[in-house]
PDB file of N, CA and C in Angstrom:
ATOM      1  N   UNK A   1      -3.071  13.525  12.059  1.00  0.00           N
ATOM      2  CA  UNK A   1      -3.164  12.831  10.797  1.00  0.00           C
ATOM      3  C   UNK A   1      -4.597  12.862  10.297  1.00  0.00           C
ATOM      4  N   UNK A   2      -4.740  12.800   9.022  1.00  0.00           N
ATOM      5  CA  UNK A   2      -6.055  12.759   8.399  1.00  0.00           C
ATOM      6  C   UNK A   2      -6.808  11.537   8.907  1.00  0.00           C
ATOM      7  N   UNK A   3      -7.994  11.776   9.446  1.00  0.00           N
ATOM      8  CA  UNK A   3      -8.782  10.686  10.015  1.00  0.00           C
ATOM      9  C   UNK A   3      -9.323   9.755   8.943  1.00  0.00           C
ATOM     10  N   UNK A   4      -9.192  10.135   7.683  1.00  0.00           N
ATOM     11  CA  UNK A   4      -9.713   9.325   6.595  1.00  0.00           C
ATOM     12  C   UNK A   4      -8.761   8.204   6.179  1.00  0.00           C
ATOM     13  N   UNK A   5      -7.584   8.135   6.746  1.00  0.00           N
ATOM     14  CA  UNK A   5      -6.654   7.047   6.467  1.00  0.00           C
ATOM     15  C   UNK A   5      -6.708   6.111   7.665  1.00  0.00           C
ATOM     16  N   UNK A   6      -7.110   4.872   7.410  1.00  0.00           N
ATOM     17  CA  UNK A   6      -7.279   3.909   8.499  1.00  0.00           C
ATOM     18  C   UNK A   6      -6.167   2.872   8.449  1.00  0.00           C
ATOM     19  N   UNK A   7      -5.774   2.407   9.623  1.00  0.00           N
ATOM     20  CA  UNK A   7      -4.781   1.350   9.765  1.00  0.00           C
ATOM     21  C   UNK A   7      -5.420   0.183  10.504  1.00  0.00           C
ATOM     22  N   UNK A   8      -5.314  -1.006   9.933  1.00  0.00           N
ATOM     23  CA  UNK A   8      -5.839  -2.176  10.628  1.00  0.00           C
ATOM     24  C   UNK A   8      -4.911  -2.524  11.790  1.00  0.00           C
ATOM     25  N   UNK A   9      -5.420  -3.324  12.717  1.00  0.00           N
ATOM     26  CA  UNK A   9      -4.590  -3.772  13.841  1.00  0.00           C
ATOM     27  C   UNK A   9      -3.375  -4.548  13.343  1.00  0.00           C
ATOM     28  N   UNK A  10      -3.561  -5.367  12.291  1.00  0.00           N
ATOM     29  CA  UNK A  10      -2.444  -6.145  11.732  1.00  0.00           C
ATOM     30  C   UNK A  10      -1.355  -5.229  11.184  1.00  0.00           C
ATOM     31  N   UNK A  11      -1.758  -4.143  10.517  1.00  0.00           N
ATOM     32  CA  UNK A  11      -0.778  -3.206   9.966  1.00  0.00           C
ATOM     33  C   UNK A  11       0.004  -2.520  11.079  1.00  0.00           C
ATOM     34  N   UNK A  12      -0.695  -2.044  12.102  1.00  0.00           N
ATOM     35  CA  UNK A  12      -0.025  -1.370  13.224  1.00  0.00           C
ATOM     36  C   UNK A  12       0.938  -2.331  13.928  1.00  0.00           C
ATOM     37  N   UNK A  13       0.505  -3.571  14.135  1.00  0.00           N
ATOM     38  CA  UNK A  13       1.355  -4.562  14.798  1.00  0.00           C
ATOM     39  C   UNK A  13       2.620  -4.816  13.982  1.00  0.00           C
ATOM     40  N   UNK A  14       2.480  -4.970  12.656  1.00  0.00           N
ATOM     41  CA  UNK A  14       3.643  -5.221  11.815  1.00  0.00           C
ATOM     42  C   UNK A  14       4.581  -4.019  11.764  1.00  0.00           C
ATOM     43  N   UNK A  15       4.022  -2.822  11.680  1.00  0.00           N
ATOM     44  CA  UNK A  15       4.855  -1.608  11.688  1.00  0.00           C
ATOM     45  C   UNK A  15       5.656  -1.547  12.986  1.00  0.00           C
ATOM     46  N   UNK A  16       4.998  -1.791  14.116  1.00  0.00           N
ATOM     47  CA  UNK A  16       5.702  -1.769  15.408  1.00  0.00           C
ATOM     48  C   UNK A  16       6.767  -2.852  15.484  1.00  0.00           C
ATOM     49  N   UNK A  17       6.479  -4.046  14.935  1.00  0.00           N
ATOM     50  CA  UNK A  17       7.479  -5.126  14.911  1.00  0.00           C
ATOM     51  C   UNK A  17       8.699  -4.720  14.096  1.00  0.00           C
ATOM     52  N   UNK A  18       8.484  -4.072  12.967  1.00  0.00           N
ATOM     53  CA  UNK A  18       9.598  -3.635  12.121  1.00  0.00           C
ATOM     54  C   UNK A  18      10.406  -2.531  12.787  1.00  0.00           C
ATOM     55  N   UNK A  19       9.734  -1.624  13.487  1.00  0.00           N
ATOM     56  CA  UNK A  19      10.431  -0.505  14.122  1.00  0.00           C
ATOM     57  C   UNK A  19      11.288  -0.951  15.304  1.00  0.00           C
ATOM     58  N   UNK A  20      10.961  -2.085  15.919  1.00  0.00           N
ATOM     59  CA  UNK A  20      11.758  -2.601  17.040  1.00  0.00           C
ATOM     60  C   UNK A  20      13.208  -2.838  16.595  1.00  0.00           C
ATOM     61  N   UNK A  21      13.372  -3.219  15.317  1.00  0.00           N
ATOM     62  CA  UNK A  21      14.699  -3.522  14.780  1.00  0.00           C
ATOM     63  C   UNK A  21      15.461  -2.279  14.333  1.00  0.00           C
ATOM     64  N   UNK A  22      14.804  -1.122  14.312  1.00  0.00           N
ATOM     65  CA  UNK A  22      15.428   0.121  13.854  1.00  0.00           C
ATOM     66  C   UNK A  22      15.913   0.943  15.037  1.00  0.00           C
ATOM     67  N   UNK A  23      16.640   2.017  14.739  1.00  0.00           N
ATOM     68  CA  UNK A  23      17.143   2.902  15.787  1.00  0.00           C
ATOM     69  C   UNK A  23      15.973   3.515  16.555  1.00  0.00           C
ATOM     70  N   UNK A  24      16.187   3.735  17.832  1.00  0.00           N
ATOM     71  CA  UNK A  24      15.136   4.327  18.663  1.00  0.00           C
ATOM     72  C   UNK A  24      14.711   5.668  18.076  1.00  0.00           C
ATOM     73  N   UNK A  25      13.408   5.908  18.045  1.00  0.00           N
ATOM     74  CA  UNK A  25      12.887   7.148  17.496  1.00  0.00           C
ATOM     75  C   UNK A  25      12.631   7.095  15.996  1.00  0.00           C
ATOM     76  N   UNK A  26      12.820   5.934  15.360  1.00  0.00           N
ATOM     77  CA  UNK A  26      12.584   5.806  13.920  1.00  0.00           C
ATOM     78  C   UNK A  26      11.088   5.779  13.614  1.00  0.00           C
ATOM     79  N   UNK A  27      10.771   6.126  12.395  1.00  0.00           N
ATOM     80  CA  UNK A  27       9.395   6.143  11.909  1.00  0.00           C
ATOM     81  C   UNK A  27       9.268   5.247  10.687  1.00  0.00           C
ATOM     82  N   UNK A  28       8.064   4.766  10.450  1.00  0.00           N
ATOM     83  CA  UNK A  28       7.716   4.041   9.231  1.00  0.00           C
ATOM     84  C   UNK A  28       7.075   5.064   8.308  1.00  0.00           C
ATOM     85  N   UNK A  29       7.588   5.186   7.089  1.00  0.00           N
ATOM     86  CA  UNK A  29       7.083   6.197   6.159  1.00  0.00           C
ATOM     87  C   UNK A  29       6.308   5.542   5.022  1.00  0.00           C
ATOM     88  N   UNK A  30       5.133   6.105   4.718  1.00  0.00           N
ATOM     89  CA  UNK A  30       4.341   5.686   3.569  1.00  0.00           C
ATOM     90  C   UNK A  30       4.274   6.889   2.629  1.00  0.00           C
ATOM     91  N   UNK A  31       4.641   6.662   1.369  1.00  0.00           N
ATOM     92  CA  UNK A  31       4.619   7.745   0.387  1.00  0.00           C
ATOM     93  C   UNK A  31       4.077   7.220  -0.936  1.00  0.00           C
ATOM     94  N   UNK A  32       3.628   8.123  -1.755  1.00  0.00           N
ATOM     95  CA  UNK A  32       3.215   7.792  -3.113  1.00  0.00           C
ATOM     96  C   UNK A  32       4.186   8.496  -4.045  1.00  0.00           C
ATOM     97  N   UNK A  33       4.763   7.708  -4.958  1.00  0.00           N
ATOM     98  CA  UNK A  33       5.737   8.240  -5.902  1.00  0.00           C
ATOM     99  C   UNK A  33       5.291   7.917  -7.315  1.00  0.00           C
ATOM    100  N   UNK A  34       5.758   8.704  -8.253  1.00  0.00           N
ATOM    101  CA  UNK A  34       5.494   8.413  -9.653  1.00  0.00           C
ATOM    102  C   UNK A  34       6.265   7.174 -10.062  1.00  0.00           C
ATOM    103  N   UNK A  35       5.674   6.369 -10.943  1.00  0.00           N
ATOM    104  CA  UNK A  35       6.368   5.178 -11.431  1.00  0.00           C
ATOM    105  C   UNK A  35       5.492   3.954 -11.364  1.00  0.00           C
ATOM    106  N   UNK A  36       6.117   2.806 -11.507  1.00  0.00           N
ATOM    107  CA  UNK A  36       5.359   1.564 -11.517  1.00  0.00           C
ATOM    108  C   UNK A  36       4.664   1.386 -12.850  1.00  0.00           C
ATOM    109  N   UNK A  37       4.039   0.279 -13.048  1.00  0.00           N
ATOM    110  CA  UNK A  37       3.407  -0.003 -14.342  1.00  0.00           C
ATOM    111  C   UNK A  37       2.073   0.713 -14.517  1.00  0.00           C
ATOM    112  N   UNK A  38       1.551   1.354 -13.481  1.00  0.00           N
ATOM    113  CA  UNK A  38       0.255   2.038 -13.599  1.00  0.00           C
ATOM    114  C   UNK A  38       0.335   3.545 -13.374  1.00  0.00           C
ATOM    115  N   UNK A  39       1.519   4.105 -13.185  1.00  0.00           N
ATOM    116  CA  UNK A  39       1.658   5.554 -13.041  1.00  0.00           C
ATOM    117  C   UNK A  39       2.092   6.041 -11.675  1.00  0.00           C
ATOM    118  N   UNK A  40       1.551   5.429 -10.622  1.00  0.00           N
ATOM    119  CA  UNK A  40       1.937   5.770  -9.249  1.00  0.00           C
ATOM    120  C   UNK A  40       2.267   4.483  -8.514  1.00  0.00           C
ATOM    121  N   UNK A  41       3.106   4.584  -7.493  1.00  0.00           N
ATOM    122  CA  UNK A  41       3.388   3.410  -6.678  1.00  0.00           C
ATOM    123  C   UNK A  41       3.524   3.784  -5.212  1.00  0.00           C
ATOM    124  N   UNK A  42       3.150   2.846  -4.367  1.00  0.00           N
ATOM    125  CA  UNK A  42       3.287   3.029  -2.924  1.00  0.00           C
ATOM    126  C   UNK A  42       4.729   2.745  -2.547  1.00  0.00           C
ATOM    127  N   UNK A  43       5.255   3.563  -1.652  1.00  0.00           N
ATOM    128  CA  UNK A  43       6.631   3.401  -1.196  1.00  0.00           C
ATOM    129  C   UNK A  43       6.619   3.299   0.325  1.00  0.00           C
ATOM    130  N   UNK A  44       7.228   2.239   0.843  1.00  0.00           N
ATOM    131  CA  UNK A  44       7.330   2.015   2.286  1.00  0.00           C
ATOM    132  C   UNK A  44       8.802   2.085   2.656  1.00  0.00           C
ATOM    133  N   UNK A  45       9.138   2.915   3.641  1.00  0.00           N
ATOM    134  CA  UNK A  45      10.529   3.057   4.057  1.00  0.00           C
ATOM    135  C   UNK A  45      10.584   3.448   5.526  1.00  0.00           C
ATOM    136  N   UNK A  46      11.796   3.668   6.006  1.00  0.00           N
ATOM    137  CA  UNK A  46      12.003   4.094   7.387  1.00  0.00           C
ATOM    138  C   UNK A  46      12.678   5.451   7.378  1.00  0.00           C
ATOM    139  N   UNK A  47      12.403   6.249   8.386  1.00  0.00           N
ATOM    140  CA  UNK A  47      12.971   7.591   8.489  1.00  0.00           C
ATOM    141  C   UNK A  47      13.277   7.857   9.955  1.00  0.00           C
ATOM    142  N   UNK A  48      14.252   8.718  10.184  1.00  0.00           N
ATOM    143  CA  UNK A  48      14.614   9.024  11.567  1.00  0.00           C
ATOM    144  C   UNK A  48      14.047  10.352  12.046  1.00  0.00           C
ATOM    145  N   UNK A  49      13.467  11.136  11.121  1.00  0.00           N
ATOM    146  CA  UNK A  49      12.877  12.404  11.556  1.00  0.00           C
ATOM    147  C   UNK A  49      11.696  12.766  10.672  1.00  0.00           C
ATOM    148  N   UNK A  50      10.767  13.491  11.274  1.00  0.00           N
ATOM    149  CA  UNK A  50       9.596  13.973  10.547  1.00  0.00           C
ATOM    150  C   UNK A  50       9.946  15.282   9.854  1.00  0.00           C
ATOM    151  N   UNK A  51       9.477  15.439   8.623  1.00  0.00           N
ATOM    152  CA  UNK A  51       9.656  16.687   7.886  1.00  0.00           C
ATOM    153  C   UNK A  51       8.515  17.630   8.265  1.00  0.00           C
ATOM    154  N   UNK A  52       8.656  18.892   7.907  1.00  0.00           N
ATOM    155  CA  UNK A  52       7.673  19.912   8.299  1.00  0.00           C
ATOM    156  C   UNK A  52       6.277  19.621   7.752  1.00  0.00           C
ATOM    157  N   UNK A  53       6.184  19.049   6.531  1.00  0.00           N
ATOM    158  CA  UNK A  53       4.859  18.815   5.945  1.00  0.00           C
ATOM    159  C   UNK A  53       4.325  17.410   6.212  1.00  0.00           C
ATOM    160  N   UNK A  54       5.007  16.643   7.063  1.00  0.00           N
ATOM    161  CA  UNK A  54       4.562  15.283   7.368  1.00  0.00           C
ATOM    162  C   UNK A  54       3.374  15.272   8.324  1.00  0.00           C
ATOM    163  N   UNK A  55       2.470  14.353   8.078  1.00  0.00           N
ATOM    164  CA  UNK A  55       1.410  14.055   9.026  1.00  0.00           C
ATOM    165  C   UNK A  55       1.872  12.839   9.809  1.00  0.00           C
ATOM    166  N   UNK A  56       1.611  12.809  11.110  1.00  0.00           N
ATOM    167  CA  UNK A  56       2.111  11.744  11.975  1.00  0.00           C
ATOM    168  C   UNK A  56       0.947  10.985  12.591  1.00  0.00           C
ATOM    169  N   UNK A  57       0.988   9.664  12.479  1.00  0.00           N
ATOM    170  CA  UNK A  57       0.014   8.790  13.117  1.00  0.00           C
ATOM    171  C   UNK A  57       0.806   7.739  13.863  1.00  0.00           C
ATOM    172  N   UNK A  58       0.843   7.848  15.183  1.00  0.00           N
ATOM    173  CA  UNK A  58       1.691   6.977  16.005  1.00  0.00           C
ATOM    174  C   UNK A  58       3.115   7.025  15.463  1.00  0.00           C
ATOM    175  N   UNK A  59       3.641   5.923  14.934  1.00  0.00           N
ATOM    176  CA  UNK A  59       5.010   5.875  14.424  1.00  0.00           C
ATOM    177  C   UNK A  59       5.053   5.944  12.902  1.00  0.00           C
ATOM    178  N   UNK A  60       3.985   6.416  12.272  1.00  0.00           N
ATOM    179  CA  UNK A  60       3.891   6.455  10.811  1.00  0.00           C
ATOM    180  C   UNK A  60       3.926   7.895  10.322  1.00  0.00           C
ATOM    181  N   UNK A  61       4.744   8.141   9.291  1.00  0.00           N
ATOM    182  CA  UNK A  61       4.823   9.448   8.658  1.00  0.00           C
ATOM    183  C   UNK A  61       4.248   9.352   7.247  1.00  0.00           C
ATOM    184  N   UNK A  62       3.476  10.351   6.863  1.00  0.00           N
ATOM    185  CA  UNK A  62       2.971  10.452   5.499  1.00  0.00           C
ATOM    186  C   UNK A  62       3.053  11.922   5.109  1.00  0.00           C
ATOM    187  N   UNK A  63       3.746  12.209   4.002  1.00  0.00           N
ATOM    188  CA  UNK A  63       3.819  13.602   3.570  1.00  0.00           C
ATOM    189  C   UNK A  63       2.432  14.066   3.121  1.00  0.00           C
ATOM    190  N   UNK A  64       2.216  15.372   3.172  1.00  0.00           N
ATOM    191  CA  UNK A  64       0.887  15.937   2.932  1.00  0.00           C
ATOM    192  C   UNK A  64       0.341  15.579   1.546  1.00  0.00           C
ATOM    193  N   UNK A  65       1.175  15.625   0.514  1.00  0.00           N
ATOM    194  CA  UNK A  65       0.718  15.312  -0.844  1.00  0.00           C
ATOM    195  C   UNK A  65       0.280  13.848  -0.939  1.00  0.00           C
ATOM    196  N   UNK A  66       1.065  12.941  -0.362  1.00  0.00           N
ATOM    197  CA  UNK A  66       0.702  11.519  -0.372  1.00  0.00           C
ATOM    198  C   UNK A  66      -0.570  11.289   0.432  1.00  0.00           C
ATOM    199  N   UNK A  67      -0.721  12.003   1.538  1.00  0.00           N
ATOM    200  CA  UNK A  67      -1.911  11.845   2.379  1.00  0.00           C
ATOM    201  C   UNK A  67      -3.174  12.221   1.609  1.00  0.00           C
ATOM    202  N   UNK A  68      -3.082  13.255   0.767  1.00  0.00           N
ATOM    203  CA  UNK A  68      -4.239  13.638  -0.048  1.00  0.00           C
ATOM    204  C   UNK A  68      -4.615  12.501  -0.998  1.00  0.00           C
ATOM    205  N   UNK A  69      -3.609  11.844  -1.591  1.00  0.00           N
ATOM    206  CA  UNK A  69      -3.865  10.742  -2.515  1.00  0.00           C
ATOM    207  C   UNK A  69      -4.311   9.474  -1.788  1.00  0.00           C
ATOM    208  N   UNK A  70      -4.035   9.401  -0.485  1.00  0.00           N
ATOM    209  CA  UNK A  70      -4.429   8.244   0.322  1.00  0.00           C
ATOM    210  C   UNK A  70      -5.745   8.476   1.067  1.00  0.00           C
ATOM    211  N   UNK A  71      -6.345   9.650   0.906  1.00  0.00           N
ATOM    212  CA  UNK A  71      -7.571   9.977   1.619  1.00  0.00           C
ATOM    213  C   UNK A  71      -8.633   8.900   1.378  1.00  0.00           C
ATOM    214  N   UNK A  72      -9.187   8.366   2.456  1.00  0.00           N
ATOM    215  CA  UNK A  72     -10.200   7.318   2.359  1.00  0.00           C
ATOM    216  C   UNK A  72      -9.641   5.911   2.304  1.00  0.00           C
ATOM    217  N   UNK A  73      -8.321   5.776   2.344  1.00  0.00           N
ATOM    218  CA  UNK A  73      -7.676   4.465   2.203  1.00  0.00           C
ATOM    219  C   UNK A  73      -7.600   3.705   3.518  1.00  0.00           C
ATOM    220  N   UNK A  74      -7.400   2.395   3.379  1.00  0.00           N
ATOM    221  CA  UNK A  74      -7.134   1.534   4.527  1.00  0.00           C
ATOM    222  C   UNK A  74      -5.805   0.832   4.293  1.00  0.00           C
ATOM    223  N   UNK A  75      -4.939   0.881   5.293  1.00  0.00           N
ATOM    224  CA  UNK A  75      -3.645   0.212   5.231  1.00  0.00           C
ATOM    225  C   UNK A  75      -3.762  -1.075   6.045  1.00  0.00           C
ATOM    226  N   UNK A  76      -3.439  -2.194   5.410  1.00  0.00           N
ATOM    227  CA  UNK A  76      -3.550  -3.503   6.054  1.00  0.00           C
ATOM    228  C   UNK A  76      -2.245  -4.261   5.839  1.00  0.00           C
ATOM    229  N   UNK A  77      -2.050  -5.315   6.583  1.00  0.00           N
ATOM    230  CA  UNK A  77      -0.917  -6.215   6.393  1.00  0.00           C
ATOM    231  C   UNK A  77      -1.510  -7.598   6.173  1.00  0.00           C
ATOM    232  N   UNK A  78      -1.218  -8.188   5.005  1.00  0.00           N
ATOM    233  CA  UNK A  78      -1.867  -9.435   4.619  1.00  0.00           C
ATOM    234  C   UNK A  78      -0.850 -10.542   4.354  1.00  0.00           C
ATOM    235  N   UNK A  79      -1.297 -11.777   4.586  1.00  0.00           N
ATOM    236  CA  UNK A  79      -0.521 -12.967   4.242  1.00  0.00           C
ATOM    237  C   UNK A  79      -1.231 -13.659   3.098  1.00  0.00           C
ATOM    238  N   UNK A  80      -0.522 -13.837   1.982  1.00  0.00           N
ATOM    239  CA  UNK A  80      -1.073 -14.505   0.815  1.00  0.00           C
ATOM    240  C   UNK A  80      -0.094 -15.579   0.362  1.00  0.00           C
ATOM    241  N   UNK A  81      -0.486 -16.358  -0.610  1.00  0.00           N
ATOM    242  CA  UNK A  81       0.395 -17.406  -1.128  1.00  0.00           C
ATOM    243  C   UNK A  81       1.725 -16.861  -1.622  1.00  0.00           C
ATOM    244  N   UNK A  82       1.712 -15.648  -2.193  1.00  0.00           N
ATOM    245  CA  UNK A  82       2.950 -15.079  -2.725  1.00  0.00           C
ATOM    246  C   UNK A  82       3.788 -14.385  -1.651  1.00  0.00           C
ATOM    247  N   UNK A  83       3.304 -14.348  -0.424  1.00  0.00           N
ATOM    248  CA  UNK A  83       4.073 -13.758   0.663  1.00  0.00           C
ATOM    249  C   UNK A  83       3.247 -12.787   1.487  1.00  0.00           C
ATOM    250  N   UNK A  84       3.925 -12.120   2.392  1.00  0.00           N
ATOM    251  CA  UNK A  84       3.284 -11.150   3.270  1.00  0.00           C
ATOM    252  C   UNK A  84       3.643  -9.746   2.792  1.00  0.00           C
ATOM    253  N   UNK A  85       2.694  -8.829   2.908  1.00  0.00           N
ATOM    254  CA  UNK A  85       2.970  -7.461   2.466  1.00  0.00           C
ATOM    255  C   UNK A  85       1.930  -6.503   3.023  1.00  0.00           C
ATOM    256  N   UNK A  86       2.284  -5.223   2.959  1.00  0.00           N
ATOM    257  CA  UNK A  86       1.311  -4.186   3.276  1.00  0.00           C
ATOM    258  C   UNK A  86       0.416  -4.026   2.061  1.00  0.00           C
ATOM    259  N   UNK A  87      -0.869  -3.851   2.300  1.00  0.00           N
ATOM    260  CA  UNK A  87      -1.832  -3.684   1.220  1.00  0.00           C
ATOM    261  C   UNK A  87      -2.638  -2.433   1.511  1.00  0.00           C
ATOM    262  N   UNK A  88      -2.717  -1.569   0.517  1.00  0.00           N
ATOM    263  CA  UNK A  88      -3.487  -0.341   0.663  1.00  0.00           C
ATOM    264  C   UNK A  88      -4.713  -0.440  -0.236  1.00  0.00           C
ATOM    265  N   UNK A  89      -5.879  -0.308   0.381  1.00  0.00           N
ATOM    266  CA  UNK A  89      -7.127  -0.253  -0.369  1.00  0.00           C
ATOM    267  C   UNK A  89      -7.463   1.222  -0.514  1.00  0.00           C
ATOM    268  N   UNK A  90      -7.285   1.734  -1.743  1.00  0.00           N
ATOM    269  CA  UNK A  90      -7.423   3.157  -2.001  1.00  0.00           C
ATOM    270  C   UNK A  90      -8.622   3.394  -2.916  1.00  0.00           C
ATOM    271  N   UNK A  91      -9.700   4.000  -2.398  1.00  0.00           N
ATOM    272  CA  UNK A  91     -10.883   4.239  -3.220  1.00  0.00           C
ATOM    273  C   UNK A  91     -10.652   5.248  -4.336  1.00  0.00           C
ATOM    274  N   UNK A  92      -9.564   6.016  -4.269  1.00  0.00           N
ATOM    275  CA  UNK A  92      -9.271   7.002  -5.304  1.00  0.00           C
ATOM    276  C   UNK A  92      -8.618   6.380  -6.538  1.00  0.00           C
ATOM    277  N   UNK A  93      -8.055   5.174  -6.406  1.00  0.00           N
ATOM    278  CA  UNK A  93      -7.375   4.574  -7.556  1.00  0.00           C
ATOM    279  C   UNK A  93      -8.402   4.021  -8.535  1.00  0.00           C
ATOM    280  N   UNK A  94      -8.172   4.303  -9.807  1.00  0.00           N
ATOM    281  CA  UNK A  94      -9.081   3.835 -10.849  1.00  0.00           C
ATOM    282  C   UNK A  94      -8.720   2.417 -11.291  1.00  0.00           C
ATOM    283  N   UNK A  95      -7.430   2.087 -11.238  1.00  0.00           N
ATOM    284  CA  UNK A  95      -6.986   0.734 -11.581  1.00  0.00           C
ATOM    285  C   UNK A  95      -5.659   0.483 -10.901  1.00  0.00           C
ATOM    286  N   UNK A  96      -5.303  -0.787 -10.780  1.00  0.00           N
ATOM    287  CA  UNK A  96      -4.031  -1.159 -10.193  1.00  0.00           C
ATOM    288  C   UNK A  96      -3.469  -2.329 -10.969  1.00  0.00           C
ATOM    289  N   UNK A  97      -2.168  -2.543 -10.802  1.00  0.00           N
ATOM    290  CA  UNK A  97      -1.546  -3.653 -11.519  1.00  0.00           C
ATOM    291  C   UNK A  97      -1.690  -4.924 -10.675  1.00  0.00           C
ATOM    292  N   UNK A  98      -1.285  -6.027 -11.218  1.00  0.00           N
ATOM    293  CA  UNK A  98      -1.425  -7.311 -10.530  1.00  0.00           C
ATOM    294  C   UNK A  98      -0.652  -7.406  -9.233  1.00  0.00           C
ATOM    295  N   UNK A  99       0.456  -6.685  -9.137  1.00  0.00           N
ATOM    296  CA  UNK A  99       1.273  -6.769  -7.920  1.00  0.00           C
ATOM    297  C   UNK A  99       0.657  -5.993  -6.771  1.00  0.00           C
ATOM    298  N   UNK A 100      -0.254  -5.067  -7.080  1.00  0.00           N
ATOM    299  CA  UNK A 100      -0.909  -4.289  -6.034  1.00  0.00           C
ATOM    300  C   UNK A 100      -0.074  -3.157  -5.480  1.00  0.00           C
ATOM    301  N   UNK A 101       1.113  -2.915  -6.059  1.00  0.00           N
ATOM    302  CA  UNK A 101       1.985  -1.862  -5.567  1.00  0.00           C
ATOM    303  C   UNK A 101       1.817  -0.583  -6.376  1.00  0.00           C
ATOM    304  N   UNK A 102       1.409  -0.690  -7.645  1.00  0.00           N
ATOM    305  CA  UNK A 102       1.225   0.513  -8.432  1.00  0.00           C
ATOM    306  C   UNK A 102      -0.241   0.654  -8.834  1.00  0.00           C
ATOM    307  N   UNK A 103      -0.633   1.904  -9.129  1.00  0.00           N
ATOM    308  CA  UNK A 103      -2.025   2.200  -9.420  1.00  0.00           C
ATOM    309  C   UNK A 103      -2.116   3.454 -10.250  1.00  0.00           C
ATOM    310  N   UNK A 104      -3.293   3.720 -10.785  1.00  0.00           N
ATOM    311  CA  UNK A 104      -3.540   4.956 -11.531  1.00  0.00           C
ATOM    312  C   UNK A 104      -4.705   5.693 -10.899  1.00  0.00           C
ATOM    313  N   UNK A 105      -4.732   7.009 -11.103  1.00  0.00           N
ATOM    314  CA  UNK A 105      -5.802   7.856 -10.564  1.00  0.00           C
ATOM    315  C   UNK A 105      -6.683   8.355 -11.687  1.00  0.00           C
TER     316      UNK A 105
END
């Protein structure tokens, strides 16, 4: 995996906690898709197999195109008043919406 994408201990712990409930051998997938109020949005899902262009970091899959857009980012898991969620701090994003799920480049 690209060494420029960092995962906090909290993020890794939460990913592992979520995978315990899934079928053995499942992966946590992070992708960037078009959409959201700012043009792009982060997508978190589960997958049972790695695709040929996927980069693998422990139990996390990121497709090559998304990894390029995530270069330099940090993935964290945060608790806030509005709830708990994964938070990506992406230095490549020029702006993001209030929900923190969509962004523009």
